[in-house]
Amino acid sequence: MRQKFEHDTIMSATTDVVPIRDGKVCMVLNRDYHYWCFPGGHAEIGLTWQEAARKELVEEAGLMAKDEDMKPFASVSGLTIEYGYDDPVNLFSLAFVCDKFEEHDIEDEEEIAEKRWFDFDEVDELKKSVYAEAIWKAYKEYLETGEFQQIVLRND
């Protein structure tokens, strides 16, 4: 793709999942950036949003879910980040909550250093990625209102 667009900013679709079990939230520690994140990643062409979210959930957290158990609660967009060779990418993420899954092994141990379940108040105190922080804020607002949340981040 970079051969065609060179160093122009491109948009990439991503998914994130907030797994909930027994009042706890599952997060993963990114090995490269040392931030706690929600399982997620780039959505591959040809997959539905739920399929992409489910794929990332099992790869990064070892949690196997069904598409119909992925409930969208927020979109997060607007932040431009740089990958690889300083190429700008603007991410658009659809965030899901899921509370039905089976435990399996983490498939992406190169990227994920650790998986851990946290109490809700512990999540507030974690060193999180900018996206994870926005998703957590959106999730708490979603719990209060029951309404889909739209978060637009800005590079400052």
Protein backbone atom coordinates (compact mmCIF):
# COMPACT_ATOMS: atom_id res chain seq x y z
CA MET A 1 0.00 0.00 0.00
CA ARG A 2 2.85 2.35 0.82
CA GLN A 3 4.19 1.99 -2.74
CA LYS A 4 0.99 3.60 -4.00
CA PHE A 5 0.48 6.23 -1.30
CA GLU A 6 4.13 6.83 -0.40
CA HIS A 7 4.14 8.95 2.77
CA ASP A 8 0.60 10.34 2.52
CA THR A 9 -1.62 9.89 5.55
CA ILE A 10 -3.90 6.90 5.12
CA MET A 11 -6.87 5.77 7.21
CA SER A 12 -6.93 2.30 8.73
CA ALA A 13 -9.92 0.53 10.24
CA THR A 14 -9.25 -1.10 13.61
CA THR A 15 -11.26 -2.89 16.28
CA ASP A 16 -10.94 -3.03 20.04
CA VAL A 17 -12.74 -5.28 22.52
CA VAL A 18 -13.49 -4.69 26.20
CA PRO A 19 -13.81 -8.22 27.64
CA ILE A 20 -15.82 -8.36 30.88
CA ARG A 21 -16.01 -11.33 33.30
CA ASP A 22 -17.23 -11.41 36.90
CA GLY A 23 -16.99 -7.62 37.19
CA LYS A 24 -13.43 -7.53 35.89
CA VAL A 25 -11.94 -6.18 32.67
CA CYS A 26 -9.30 -7.98 30.61
CA MET A 27 -6.42 -5.89 29.26
CA VAL A 28 -3.18 -6.78 27.54
CA LEU A 29 0.27 -5.24 27.97
CA ASN A 30 1.82 -4.28 24.64
CA ARG A 31 5.40 -5.57 24.58
CA ASP A 32 6.77 -2.74 22.37
CA TYR A 33 5.07 0.28 23.94
CA HIS A 34 4.61 -0.90 27.56
CA TYR A 35 1.02 0.36 27.66
CA TRP A 36 -2.05 -1.52 28.77
CA CYS A 37 -4.52 -1.85 25.91
CA PHE A 38 -7.74 -3.60 25.08
CA PRO A 39 -7.33 -6.53 22.69
CA GLY A 40 -7.58 -5.15 19.18
CA GLY A 41 -5.87 -4.36 15.94
CA HIS A 42 -6.27 -3.65 12.25
CA ALA A 43 -9.36 -5.03 10.55
CA GLU A 44 -8.48 -7.18 7.56
CA ILE A 45 -10.24 -6.59 4.28
CA GLY A 46 -13.12 -9.02 3.79
CA LEU A 47 -13.93 -9.45 7.48
CA THR A 48 -16.99 -7.96 9.16
CA TRP A 49 -16.36 -5.68 12.13
CA GLN A 50 -17.38 -8.48 14.49
CA GLU A 51 -15.15 -11.04 12.76
CA ALA A 52 -12.18 -8.66 12.97
CA ALA A 53 -12.84 -7.97 16.66
CA ARG A 54 -13.24 -11.67 17.44
CA LYS A 55 -9.99 -12.47 15.62
CA GLU A 56 -8.04 -9.87 17.61
CA LEU A 57 -9.65 -11.00 20.87
CA VAL A 58 -8.42 -14.57 20.47
CA GLU A 59 -4.99 -13.56 19.09
CA GLU A 60 -4.15 -11.04 21.82
CA ALA A 61 -6.11 -12.26 24.85
CA GLY A 62 -6.79 -15.93 24.14
CA LEU A 63 -10.54 -15.37 24.45
CA MET A 64 -12.76 -17.12 21.87
CA ALA A 65 -16.15 -15.48 21.31
CA LYS A 66 -18.96 -15.61 18.79
CA ASP A 67 -19.66 -12.73 16.41
CA GLU A 68 -23.14 -12.20 17.86
CA ASP A 69 -21.64 -11.70 21.33
CA MET A 70 -19.62 -8.68 20.15
CA LYS A 71 -21.70 -5.61 21.07
CA PRO A 72 -20.52 -2.29 19.56
CA PHE A 73 -20.56 0.64 21.99
CA ALA A 74 -18.24 3.31 20.54
CA SER A 75 -16.21 4.60 17.64
CA VAL A 76 -12.86 6.31 18.16
CA SER A 77 -11.21 8.33 15.42
CA GLY A 78 -9.17 11.41 14.61
CA LEU A 79 -5.72 10.55 15.98
CA THR A 80 -2.86 10.26 13.53
CA ILE A 81 -0.01 7.98 14.59
CA GLU A 82 3.19 6.88 12.88
CA TYR A 83 4.05 3.28 12.10
CA GLY A 84 7.27 1.83 10.82
CA TYR A 85 9.14 4.36 8.74
CA ASP A 86 7.40 7.45 10.12
CA ASP A 87 4.39 6.88 7.86
CA PRO A 88 1.27 8.67 9.18
CA VAL A 89 -1.86 6.57 9.74
CA ASN A 90 -5.21 7.90 10.91
CA LEU A 91 -7.05 5.17 12.82
CA PHE A 92 -10.80 4.61 12.91
CA SER A 93 -11.73 2.07 15.56
CA LEU A 94 -15.01 0.40 16.36
CA ALA A 95 -15.06 -0.71 20.01
CA PHE A 96 -17.00 -3.72 21.25
CA VAL A 97 -17.85 -5.15 24.65
CA CYS A 98 -18.02 -8.91 25.11
CA ASP A 99 -18.93 -10.97 28.17
CA LYS A 100 -19.28 -14.44 26.61
CA PHE A 101 -16.13 -16.28 25.61
CA GLU A 102 -13.97 -19.32 26.26
CA GLU A 103 -10.36 -19.18 27.45
CA HIS A 104 -7.63 -20.29 25.03
CA ASP A 105 -3.93 -19.62 24.64
CA ILE A 106 -2.75 -16.21 23.47
CA GLU A 107 -1.67 -16.51 19.83
CA ASP A 108 0.31 -13.26 19.51
CA GLU A 109 2.99 -13.58 22.19
CA GLU A 110 5.43 -11.47 20.14
CA GLU A 111 3.24 -8.38 20.61
CA ILE A 112 1.59 -9.17 23.95
CA ALA A 113 3.75 -9.34 27.07
CA GLU A 114 0.96 -10.07 29.54
CA LYS A 115 -2.80 -10.48 29.91
CA ARG A 116 -4.49 -9.56 33.17
CA TRP A 117 -7.99 -9.11 34.62
CA PHE A 118 -8.54 -5.83 36.50
CA ASP A 119 -11.27 -4.42 38.73
CA PHE A 120 -12.96 -1.41 37.14
CA ASP A 121 -11.29 1.08 39.52
CA GLU A 122 -7.86 -0.44 38.77
CA VAL A 123 -8.28 0.26 35.04
CA ASP A 124 -8.51 4.00 35.80
CA GLU A 125 -5.02 3.91 37.32
CA LEU A 126 -3.23 1.95 34.60
CA LYS A 127 -0.74 3.41 32.13
CA LYS A 128 -2.87 3.03 29.00
CA SER A 129 -2.43 3.91 25.35
CA VAL A 130 -4.27 7.02 24.15
CA TYR A 131 -6.79 4.79 22.36
CA ALA A 132 -7.30 2.55 25.40
CA GLU A 133 -7.88 5.64 27.55
CA ALA A 134 -10.50 6.93 25.07
CA ILE A 135 -12.18 3.53 24.82
CA TRP A 136 -12.34 3.17 28.60
CA LYS A 137 -13.86 6.64 28.94
CA ALA A 138 -16.40 5.80 26.21
CA TYR A 139 -17.26 2.49 27.86
CA LYS A 140 -17.95 4.12 31.22
CA GLU A 141 -20.16 6.72 29.50
CA TYR A 142 -21.93 3.94 27.60
CA LEU A 143 -22.65 2.16 30.90
CA GLU A 144 -24.21 5.36 32.28
CA THR A 145 -26.28 6.32 29.24
CA GLY A 146 -26.81 3.10 27.29
CA GLU A 147 -26.05 5.12 24.15
CA PHE A 148 -23.42 4.49 21.48
CA GLN A 149 -20.45 6.81 22.00
CA GLN A 150 -18.45 8.68 19.36
CA ILE A 151 -14.99 9.86 20.41
CA VAL A 152 -12.90 12.12 18.17
CA LEU A 153 -9.29 12.53 19.30
CA ARG A 154 -6.93 15.27 18.15
CA ASN A 155 -3.18 15.41 17.76
CA ASP A 156 -1.96 18.32 19.89
